Every structure is written in structure tokens, then in C-alpha cells.
Amino acid sequence: MSLWQAPLDGSSIHLAVEASSGGSSLGIQMARQAIADGGRVLWAAPELPDGMRFSQIFSGLEITASSRFHAMNLVGNIDQALESLNHTANVLPGVSLVILDDYCPESGQIPKTIIDAVNKLLSNSNWTTLLISKGGVSMDESPLVARGKNKLQTDNVWLLTRPGSDSKRVLWINDEAIDLRLLEDGFVV
């Protein structure tokens, strides 16, 4: 089994996750990948990533590599927070990944102010952007609904589901199902 590798190609990704499926862990793993490739990562969220999970996924990297991981608190006025994030991403050298985790309410429609601020950030980016939010319940055969997918101007929509209570996960990228397992050191194929 090997760690799953994400396409870090400068695109924007809207990741809708099922509760307790490991969306933040997937973001941490993508951050590890970007840093291992020599990039710098900005993580913006209301809370810092879980320290234990971060340590598990970042194990094996030199301790100095984690200095290229920068966390920003995403609270208050969303326009100002994302403008500050954009400024920081453009000032720091080598930013290859920007992650917005839990950037919107857990349920219901994503407020227009958040949609507008995120779209403004996306229009000014030249790095891979990962937006992580809780998905909604599907009314058809889809495993999950990416809330706001028709309003957020992302390149890709991914869905992360947890079909059972074990470590199996399914990552849907462009209607292709990728079977993964979530272990201590991250998602493996």
C-alpha cells in the first residue's frame, strides 16, 4: 500500500465530505505532499488541524519541512480574512497549495458573502486551492452533494464518503471512484 497522491496542478478543488470521513486528514496529506515536493502551504480554518493527526501524517518528513506549513485563523469578516490569505500567498515564496477548511456553515446554503469572497480568491490564484466543507444529502443516486457547486468557480468537485464504520473511504473525482483506506499515516491506495 502506498500513500495516495493528489494532482497538485494549480487547479481549484471543491471537496465535499461526509461527516467523519477524514476531509481534514486528506487536506493535511495534500499539504504533506506539497511540502515534500518543495512547496509551501497555507491552511486557513477556524481551528488548527488536529495536532496528533498532523504529526502522524507528517511523520517521515524532516522536522524543518513543517516550517513551510502556515496556519491562519479564518474568523470574522470573510472578505478581510480571504484578502489577507491571498496577500500572504502572494508574498510568501513558493506557495503551491492553499487550503480552506470548514470555511462555511456545516449545513444549508453557503452564504453569498462566502461564495463571493472564495470566488475572488480563486480568480487571483496561481496555486492549487483545496476547499473542504461538509457535503449535503443527495436526493438522487449521487453519494453526496457538494453544496454551492454551481456557484463556486472551482475547476473540480471531489466527494469523500465513508461507506461503513471501518477505514474504507471512497474519493469521487469527476464521477470516478477511488477506493482508499484511512490509516494513521494518511490515505493509502
C-alpha atoms as a PDB file:
ATOM      1  CA  MET A   1       0.000   0.000   0.000  1.00  0.00           C
ATOM      2  CA  SER A   2       1.265   3.453  -0.852  1.00  0.00           C
ATOM      3  CA  LEU A   3       0.112   6.927   0.092  1.00  0.00           C
ATOM      4  CA  TRP A   4      -2.415   8.357  -2.313  1.00  0.00           C
ATOM      5  CA  GLN A   5      -1.010  11.251  -4.360  1.00  0.00           C
ATOM      6  CA  ALA A   6      -3.232  14.187  -5.254  1.00  0.00           C
ATOM      7  CA  PRO A   7      -2.913  16.114  -8.510  1.00  0.00           C
ATOM      8  CA  LEU A   8      -1.305  19.387  -7.351  1.00  0.00           C
ATOM      9  CA  ASP A   9      -1.510  21.168 -10.677  1.00  0.00           C
ATOM     10  CA  GLY A  10      -2.642  24.704  -9.892  1.00  0.00           C
ATOM     11  CA  SER A  11      -6.330  23.844 -10.138  1.00  0.00           C
ATOM     12  CA  SER A  12      -9.061  24.634  -7.644  1.00  0.00           C
ATOM     13  CA  ILE A  13     -10.808  21.745  -5.899  1.00  0.00           C
ATOM     14  CA  HIS A  14     -14.138  21.815  -4.074  1.00  0.00           C
ATOM     15  CA  LEU A  15     -14.014  18.835  -1.676  1.00  0.00           C
ATOM     16  CA  ALA A  16     -17.387  17.955  -0.135  1.00  0.00           C
ATOM     17  CA  VAL A  17     -17.073  15.452   2.681  1.00  0.00           C
ATOM     18  CA  GLU A  18     -19.354  13.142   4.550  1.00  0.00           C
ATOM     19  CA  ALA A  19     -19.165  13.625   8.341  1.00  0.00           C
ATOM     20  CA  SER A  20     -16.183  11.827   9.913  1.00  0.00           C
ATOM     21  CA  SER A  21     -14.801  10.724   6.549  1.00  0.00           C
ATOM     22  CA  GLY A  22     -11.435  12.443   7.002  1.00  0.00           C
ATOM     23  CA  GLY A  23     -11.654  15.631   4.953  1.00  0.00           C
ATOM     24  CA  SER A  24      -9.173  17.493   7.133  1.00  0.00           C
ATOM     25  CA  SER A  25      -6.864  14.463   7.106  1.00  0.00           C
ATOM     26  CA  LEU A  26      -6.981  14.492   3.298  1.00  0.00           C
ATOM     27  CA  GLY A  27      -6.068  18.179   3.380  1.00  0.00           C
ATOM     28  CA  ILE A  28      -3.165  17.503   5.754  1.00  0.00           C
ATOM     29  CA  GLN A  29      -1.960  14.713   3.456  1.00  0.00           C
ATOM     30  CA  MET A  30      -2.087  17.030   0.441  1.00  0.00           C
ATOM     31  CA  ALA A  31      -0.153  19.607   2.486  1.00  0.00           C
ATOM     32  CA  ARG A  32       2.483  16.979   3.287  1.00  0.00           C
ATOM     33  CA  GLN A  33       2.730  16.091  -0.405  1.00  0.00           C
ATOM     34  CA  ALA A  34       3.122  19.750  -1.450  1.00  0.00           C
ATOM     35  CA  ILE A  35       5.820  20.329   1.177  1.00  0.00           C
ATOM     36  CA  ALA A  36       7.651  17.084   0.281  1.00  0.00           C
ATOM     37  CA  ASP A  37       7.693  18.383  -3.310  1.00  0.00           C
ATOM     38  CA  GLY A  38       9.382  21.597  -2.091  1.00  0.00           C
ATOM     39  CA  GLY A  39       6.302  23.826  -1.906  1.00  0.00           C
ATOM     40  CA  ARG A  40       4.804  25.949   0.820  1.00  0.00           C
ATOM     41  CA  VAL A  41       1.266  25.518   2.202  1.00  0.00           C
ATOM     42  CA  LEU A  42      -1.235  27.965   3.683  1.00  0.00           C
ATOM     43  CA  TRP A  43      -4.022  26.453   5.812  1.00  0.00           C
ATOM     44  CA  ALA A  44      -6.939  28.720   6.702  1.00  0.00           C
ATOM     45  CA  ALA A  45      -9.638  27.465   9.067  1.00  0.00           C
ATOM     46  CA  PRO A  46     -11.488  28.458  12.228  1.00  0.00           C
ATOM     47  CA  GLU A  47      -9.423  25.806  14.084  1.00  0.00           C
ATOM     48  CA  LEU A  48      -5.912  24.489  13.637  1.00  0.00           C
ATOM     49  CA  PRO A  49      -5.661  20.955  12.272  1.00  0.00           C
ATOM     50  CA  ASP A  50      -5.608  18.250  14.948  1.00  0.00           C
ATOM     51  CA  GLY A  51      -2.035  18.148  16.271  1.00  0.00           C
ATOM     52  CA  MET A  52      -1.938  14.363  16.675  1.00  0.00           C
ATOM     53  CA  ARG A  53      -3.270  13.779  13.151  1.00  0.00           C
ATOM     54  CA  PHE A  54      -0.858  16.354  11.757  1.00  0.00           C
ATOM     55  CA  SER A  55       2.089  14.596  13.475  1.00  0.00           C
ATOM     56  CA  GLN A  56       1.029  11.182  12.197  1.00  0.00           C
ATOM     57  CA  ILE A  57       0.666  12.294   8.583  1.00  0.00           C
ATOM     58  CA  PHE A  58       3.810  14.464   8.617  1.00  0.00           C
ATOM     59  CA  SER A  59       5.941  11.701  10.158  1.00  0.00           C
ATOM     60  CA  GLY A  60       8.865  10.800   7.960  1.00  0.00           C
ATOM     61  CA  LEU A  61       9.415  14.365   6.755  1.00  0.00           C
ATOM     62  CA  GLU A  62      12.336  16.308   8.133  1.00  0.00           C
ATOM     63  CA  ILE A  63      11.226  18.499  11.042  1.00  0.00           C
ATOM     64  CA  THR A  64      12.363  21.627   9.164  1.00  0.00           C
ATOM     65  CA  ALA A  65       9.914  20.838   6.355  1.00  0.00           C
ATOM     66  CA  SER A  66       6.976  21.670   8.635  1.00  0.00           C
ATOM     67  CA  SER A  67       8.214  25.286   8.710  1.00  0.00           C
ATOM     68  CA  ARG A  68       6.700  25.586   5.214  1.00  0.00           C
ATOM     69  CA  PHE A  69       3.226  24.944   6.680  1.00  0.00           C
ATOM     70  CA  HIS A  70       1.500  28.188   7.696  1.00  0.00           C
ATOM     71  CA  ALA A  71      -1.837  28.209   9.501  1.00  0.00           C
ATOM     72  CA  MET A  72      -4.144  31.225   9.511  1.00  0.00           C
ATOM     73  CA  ASN A  73      -7.229  31.742  11.631  1.00  0.00           C
ATOM     74  CA  LEU A  74     -10.340  32.042   9.474  1.00  0.00           C
ATOM     75  CA  VAL A  75     -12.719  34.009  11.695  1.00  0.00           C
ATOM     76  CA  GLY A  76     -14.513  37.322  11.498  1.00  0.00           C
ATOM     77  CA  ASN A  77     -15.107  39.127   8.229  1.00  0.00           C
ATOM     78  CA  ILE A  78     -14.652  36.565   5.450  1.00  0.00           C
ATOM     79  CA  ASP A  79     -13.693  39.208   2.853  1.00  0.00           C
ATOM     80  CA  GLN A  80     -10.869  40.507   5.027  1.00  0.00           C
ATOM     81  CA  ALA A  81      -9.726  37.024   6.038  1.00  0.00           C
ATOM     82  CA  LEU A  82      -9.507  35.790   2.449  1.00  0.00           C
ATOM     83  CA  GLU A  83      -7.919  39.032   1.268  1.00  0.00           C
ATOM     84  CA  SER A  84      -5.248  38.560   3.941  1.00  0.00           C
ATOM     85  CA  LEU A  85      -4.841  34.922   2.855  1.00  0.00           C
ATOM     86  CA  ASN A  86      -4.444  35.993  -0.790  1.00  0.00           C
ATOM     87  CA  HIS A  87      -1.893  38.655   0.156  1.00  0.00           C
ATOM     88  CA  THR A  88       0.096  36.167   2.235  1.00  0.00           C
ATOM     89  CA  ALA A  89       0.017  33.571  -0.558  1.00  0.00           C
ATOM     90  CA  ASN A  90       1.390  36.141  -2.985  1.00  0.00           C
ATOM     91  CA  VAL A  91       4.087  37.436  -0.615  1.00  0.00           C
ATOM     92  CA  LEU A  92       5.493  34.141   0.672  1.00  0.00           C
ATOM     93  CA  PRO A  93       7.812  32.412  -1.796  1.00  0.00           C
ATOM     94  CA  GLY A  94       6.866  29.052  -3.265  1.00  0.00           C
ATOM     95  CA  VAL A  95       3.237  28.717  -2.177  1.00  0.00           C
ATOM     96  CA  SER A  96       1.913  25.694  -4.057  1.00  0.00           C
ATOM     97  CA  LEU A  97      -1.191  24.831  -2.019  1.00  0.00           C
ATOM     98  CA  VAL A  98      -3.830  26.891  -0.193  1.00  0.00           C
ATOM     99  CA  ILE A  99      -6.394  25.017   1.894  1.00  0.00           C
ATOM    100  CA  LEU A 100      -9.648  26.452   3.248  1.00  0.00           C
ATOM    101  CA  ASP A 101     -11.071  24.004   5.796  1.00  0.00           C
ATOM    102  CA  ASP A 102     -14.524  24.450   7.344  1.00  0.00           C
ATOM    103  CA  TYR A 103     -14.845  27.815   5.610  1.00  0.00           C
ATOM    104  CA  CYS A 104     -18.668  27.742   5.543  1.00  0.00           C
ATOM    105  CA  PRO A 105     -21.564  26.598   7.775  1.00  0.00           C
ATOM    106  CA  GLU A 106     -21.925  22.812   8.113  1.00  0.00           C
ATOM    107  CA  SER A 107     -25.369  22.707   6.527  1.00  0.00           C
ATOM    108  CA  GLY A 108     -27.730  24.696   4.344  1.00  0.00           C
ATOM    109  CA  GLN A 109     -26.808  27.010   1.517  1.00  0.00           C
ATOM    110  CA  ILE A 110     -23.401  28.616   1.565  1.00  0.00           C
ATOM    111  CA  PRO A 111     -23.943  32.352   2.199  1.00  0.00           C
ATOM    112  CA  LYS A 112     -23.424  34.646  -0.793  1.00  0.00           C
ATOM    113  CA  THR A 113     -20.751  36.638   1.064  1.00  0.00           C
ATOM    114  CA  ILE A 114     -18.658  33.487   1.421  1.00  0.00           C
ATOM    115  CA  ILE A 115     -19.252  32.435  -2.205  1.00  0.00           C
ATOM    116  CA  ASP A 116     -18.180  35.877  -3.445  1.00  0.00           C
ATOM    117  CA  ALA A 117     -15.068  36.001  -1.221  1.00  0.00           C
ATOM    118  CA  VAL A 118     -13.973  32.477  -2.211  1.00  0.00           C
ATOM    119  CA  ASN A 119     -14.530  33.190  -5.921  1.00  0.00           C
ATOM    120  CA  LYS A 120     -12.447  36.344  -5.616  1.00  0.00           C
ATOM    121  CA  LEU A 121      -9.640  34.322  -4.014  1.00  0.00           C
ATOM    122  CA  LEU A 122      -9.872  31.670  -6.749  1.00  0.00           C
ATOM    123  CA  SER A 123      -9.725  34.253  -9.537  1.00  0.00           C
ATOM    124  CA  ASN A 124      -6.422  35.599  -8.182  1.00  0.00           C
ATOM    125  CA  SER A 125      -4.663  32.291  -7.524  1.00  0.00           C
ATOM    126  CA  ASN A 126      -1.841  30.529  -9.321  1.00  0.00           C
ATOM    127  CA  TRP A 127      -1.525  27.645  -6.845  1.00  0.00           C
ATOM    128  CA  THR A 128      -3.661  24.578  -6.108  1.00  0.00           C
ATOM    129  CA  THR A 129      -6.593  25.547  -3.889  1.00  0.00           C
ATOM    130  CA  LEU A 130      -8.496  22.993  -1.799  1.00  0.00           C
ATOM    131  CA  LEU A 131     -11.870  23.991  -0.322  1.00  0.00           C
ATOM    132  CA  ILE A 132     -13.081  21.497   2.315  1.00  0.00           C
ATOM    133  CA  SER A 133     -16.688  21.580   3.520  1.00  0.00           C
ATOM    134  CA  LYS A 134     -19.412  19.251   4.692  1.00  0.00           C
ATOM    135  CA  GLY A 135     -21.498  17.859   1.855  1.00  0.00           C
ATOM    136  CA  GLY A 136     -25.266  17.682   1.737  1.00  0.00           C
ATOM    137  CA  VAL A 137     -27.629  14.751   1.457  1.00  0.00           C
ATOM    138  CA  SER A 138     -28.269  13.647  -2.103  1.00  0.00           C
ATOM    139  CA  MET A 139     -31.794  13.236  -3.428  1.00  0.00           C
ATOM    140  CA  ASP A 140     -30.655  11.016  -6.333  1.00  0.00           C
ATOM    141  CA  GLU A 141     -28.086   8.243  -6.834  1.00  0.00           C
ATOM    142  CA  SER A 142     -25.141  10.546  -6.061  1.00  0.00           C
ATOM    143  CA  PRO A 143     -23.221   9.602  -2.930  1.00  0.00           C
ATOM    144  CA  LEU A 144     -23.213  13.193  -1.651  1.00  0.00           C
ATOM    145  CA  VAL A 145     -23.998  16.752  -2.769  1.00  0.00           C
ATOM    146  CA  ALA A 146     -21.299  19.407  -2.975  1.00  0.00           C
ATOM    147  CA  ARG A 147     -23.155  22.420  -1.618  1.00  0.00           C
ATOM    148  CA  GLY A 148     -22.635  25.527  -3.740  1.00  0.00           C
ATOM    149  CA  LYS A 149     -21.008  23.598  -6.600  1.00  0.00           C
ATOM    150  CA  ASN A 150     -22.835  25.680  -9.210  1.00  0.00           C
ATOM    151  CA  LYS A 151     -21.819  28.948  -7.569  1.00  0.00           C
ATOM    152  CA  LEU A 152     -18.212  28.296  -6.567  1.00  0.00           C
ATOM    153  CA  GLN A 153     -15.928  28.766  -9.556  1.00  0.00           C
ATOM    154  CA  THR A 154     -13.749  25.713  -8.974  1.00  0.00           C
ATOM    155  CA  ASP A 155     -12.135  23.527 -11.607  1.00  0.00           C
ATOM    156  CA  ASN A 156     -13.059  20.241  -9.923  1.00  0.00           C
ATOM    157  CA  VAL A 157     -15.589  18.850  -7.472  1.00  0.00           C
ATOM    158  CA  TRP A 158     -14.489  15.928  -5.315  1.00  0.00           C
ATOM    159  CA  LEU A 159     -16.648  13.935  -2.906  1.00  0.00           C
ATOM    160  CA  LEU A 160     -15.246  11.978   0.044  1.00  0.00           C
ATOM    161  CA  THR A 161     -17.548   9.330   1.501  1.00  0.00           C
ATOM    162  CA  ARG A 162     -17.338   6.738   4.236  1.00  0.00           C
ATOM    163  CA  PRO A 163     -19.365   3.695   3.165  1.00  0.00           C
ATOM    164  CA  GLY A 164     -19.042   1.877   6.521  1.00  0.00           C
ATOM    165  CA  SER A 165     -17.637   2.223  10.006  1.00  0.00           C
ATOM    166  CA  ASP A 166     -14.191   0.877   9.108  1.00  0.00           C
ATOM    167  CA  SER A 167     -11.198   2.600   7.485  1.00  0.00           C
ATOM    168  CA  LYS A 168     -12.536   2.362   3.917  1.00  0.00           C
ATOM    169  CA  ARG A 169     -13.231   5.622   2.104  1.00  0.00           C
ATOM    170  CA  VAL A 170     -14.286   6.450  -1.434  1.00  0.00           C
ATOM    171  CA  LEU A 171     -12.991   9.589  -3.129  1.00  0.00           C
ATOM    172  CA  TRP A 172     -15.063  10.605  -6.148  1.00  0.00           C
ATOM    173  CA  ILE A 173     -13.178  12.681  -8.709  1.00  0.00           C
ATOM    174  CA  ASN A 174     -15.152  13.536 -11.849  1.00  0.00           C
ATOM    175  CA  ASP A 175     -17.512  10.571 -11.304  1.00  0.00           C
ATOM    176  CA  GLU A 176     -14.557   8.176 -10.923  1.00  0.00           C
ATOM    177  CA  ALA A 177     -14.497   6.277  -7.615  1.00  0.00           C
ATOM    178  CA  ILE A 178     -11.097   5.833  -5.974  1.00  0.00           C
ATOM    179  CA  ASP A 179     -11.086   3.300  -3.147  1.00  0.00           C
ATOM    180  CA  LEU A 180      -8.895   4.435  -0.265  1.00  0.00           C
ATOM    181  CA  ARG A 181      -8.140   3.374   3.281  1.00  0.00           C
ATOM    182  CA  LEU A 182      -7.514   5.938   6.009  1.00  0.00           C
ATOM    183  CA  LEU A 183      -4.632   4.770   8.181  1.00  0.00           C
ATOM    184  CA  GLU A 184      -2.581   6.589  10.818  1.00  0.00           C
ATOM    185  CA  ASP A 185      -0.136   7.985   8.255  1.00  0.00           C
ATOM    186  CA  GLY A 186      -2.846   9.027   5.773  1.00  0.00           C
ATOM    187  CA  PHE A 187      -4.896   7.766   2.857  1.00  0.00           C
ATOM    188  CA  VAL A 188      -3.492   4.765   1.020  1.00  0.00           C
ATOM    189  CA  VAL A 189      -4.462   3.045  -2.221  1.00  0.00           C
END
